[in-house]
Amino acid sequence: MGTVELKHIIAEHLTHIEDKSFLQDLKNLLESKVASETYTLDDFEKERIQMAREQVKKGETISNEKIHHQVQKWFDTK
C-alpha cells in the first residue's frame, strides 16, 4: 500500500470520527510531525527543568521500582 492510498484511507476514516478529544490529540500529533520550527521553552519550563536537575544532584529521586511498588500498593487498596 502506497503513501497516497494510506492518506486516502485515513482521510476517509476521519470523516466518521466524532470523538473531539481523539481528534484534538491526532491534530497535535500531526502538527508535531510537520512542525518545522524548533520548540522554544518558556520561562516556567526552564525553571522546572532547572529545579529537576537540582533535585537529581541532591539525590532527591525515587527509583522506578519503588514508584511501581507504591502504585501497585495503591491499586490494591481500591
Protein backbone atom coordinates (compact mmCIF):
# COMPACT_ATOMS: atom_id res chain seq x y z
CA MET A 1 0.00 0.00 0.00
CA GLY A 2 1.46 3.31 -1.06
CA THR A 3 1.54 6.65 0.72
CA VAL A 4 -1.22 8.15 -1.39
CA GLU A 5 -3.54 5.22 -0.69
CA LEU A 6 -2.81 5.38 3.05
CA LYS A 7 -3.61 9.10 3.09
CA HIS A 8 -6.89 8.45 1.31
CA ILE A 9 -7.88 5.69 3.76
CA ILE A 10 -7.01 7.85 6.76
CA ALA A 11 -8.95 10.82 5.38
CA GLU A 12 -11.96 8.57 4.81
CA HIS A 13 -11.84 7.25 8.37
CA LEU A 14 -11.51 10.77 9.78
CA THR A 15 -14.84 11.78 8.30
CA HIS A 16 -16.55 9.22 10.56
CA ILE A 17 -14.84 10.08 13.86
CA GLU A 18 -16.81 12.31 16.22
CA ASP A 19 -14.63 11.95 19.34
CA LYS A 20 -13.39 15.52 19.85
CA SER A 21 -10.68 14.51 22.33
CA PHE A 22 -9.27 11.90 19.95
CA LEU A 23 -9.35 14.35 17.05
CA GLN A 24 -7.57 17.00 19.14
CA ASP A 25 -4.86 14.50 20.11
CA LEU A 26 -4.49 13.46 16.48
CA LYS A 27 -4.25 17.11 15.41
CA ASN A 28 -1.49 17.69 17.97
CA LEU A 29 0.37 14.61 16.79
CA LEU A 30 0.13 15.67 13.16
CA GLU A 31 1.23 19.21 13.94
CA SER A 32 4.28 17.92 15.81
CA LYS A 33 5.18 15.76 12.80
CA VAL A 34 5.00 18.62 10.29
CA ALA A 35 6.36 21.36 12.54
CA SER A 36 9.47 22.86 11.07
CA GLU A 37 10.27 25.16 13.96
CA THR A 38 12.36 24.26 16.98
CA TYR A 39 10.31 24.17 20.16
CA THR A 40 11.25 27.00 22.50
CA LEU A 41 10.88 26.51 26.23
CA ASP A 42 9.11 29.24 28.14
CA ASP A 43 10.46 30.59 31.45
CA PHE A 44 8.26 28.27 33.54
CA GLU A 45 9.50 25.19 31.68
CA LYS A 46 13.13 26.29 32.01
CA GLU A 47 12.64 26.85 35.74
CA ARG A 48 11.06 23.41 36.21
CA ILE A 49 13.93 21.75 34.34
CA GLN A 50 16.46 23.56 36.49
CA MET A 51 14.60 22.50 39.65
CA ALA A 52 14.60 18.88 38.46
CA ARG A 53 18.33 18.99 37.76
CA GLU A 54 18.98 20.31 41.26
CA GLN A 55 16.84 17.53 42.76
CA VAL A 56 18.86 14.93 40.86
CA LYS A 57 22.13 16.46 42.10
CA LYS A 58 20.84 16.29 45.69
CA GLY A 59 19.75 12.69 45.26
CA GLU A 60 16.09 13.62 45.68
CA THR A 61 14.89 10.93 43.32
CA ILE A 62 12.76 7.79 43.52
CA SER A 63 13.50 4.65 41.55
CA ASN A 64 11.03 3.31 39.02
CA GLU A 65 10.84 0.11 41.06
CA LYS A 66 9.80 2.00 44.20
CA ILE A 67 7.21 4.05 42.31
CA HIS A 68 5.83 0.88 40.70
CA HIS A 69 5.55 -0.72 44.15
CA GLN A 70 3.75 2.34 45.57
CA VAL A 71 1.32 2.47 42.65
CA GLN A 72 0.61 -1.24 42.92
CA LYS A 73 0.01 -0.86 46.66
CA TRP A 74 -2.42 1.99 45.95
CA PHE A 75 -4.25 -0.09 43.31
CA ASP A 76 -4.54 -2.97 45.78
CA THR A 77 -6.42 -0.73 48.21
CA LYS A 78 -9.01 0.30 45.60
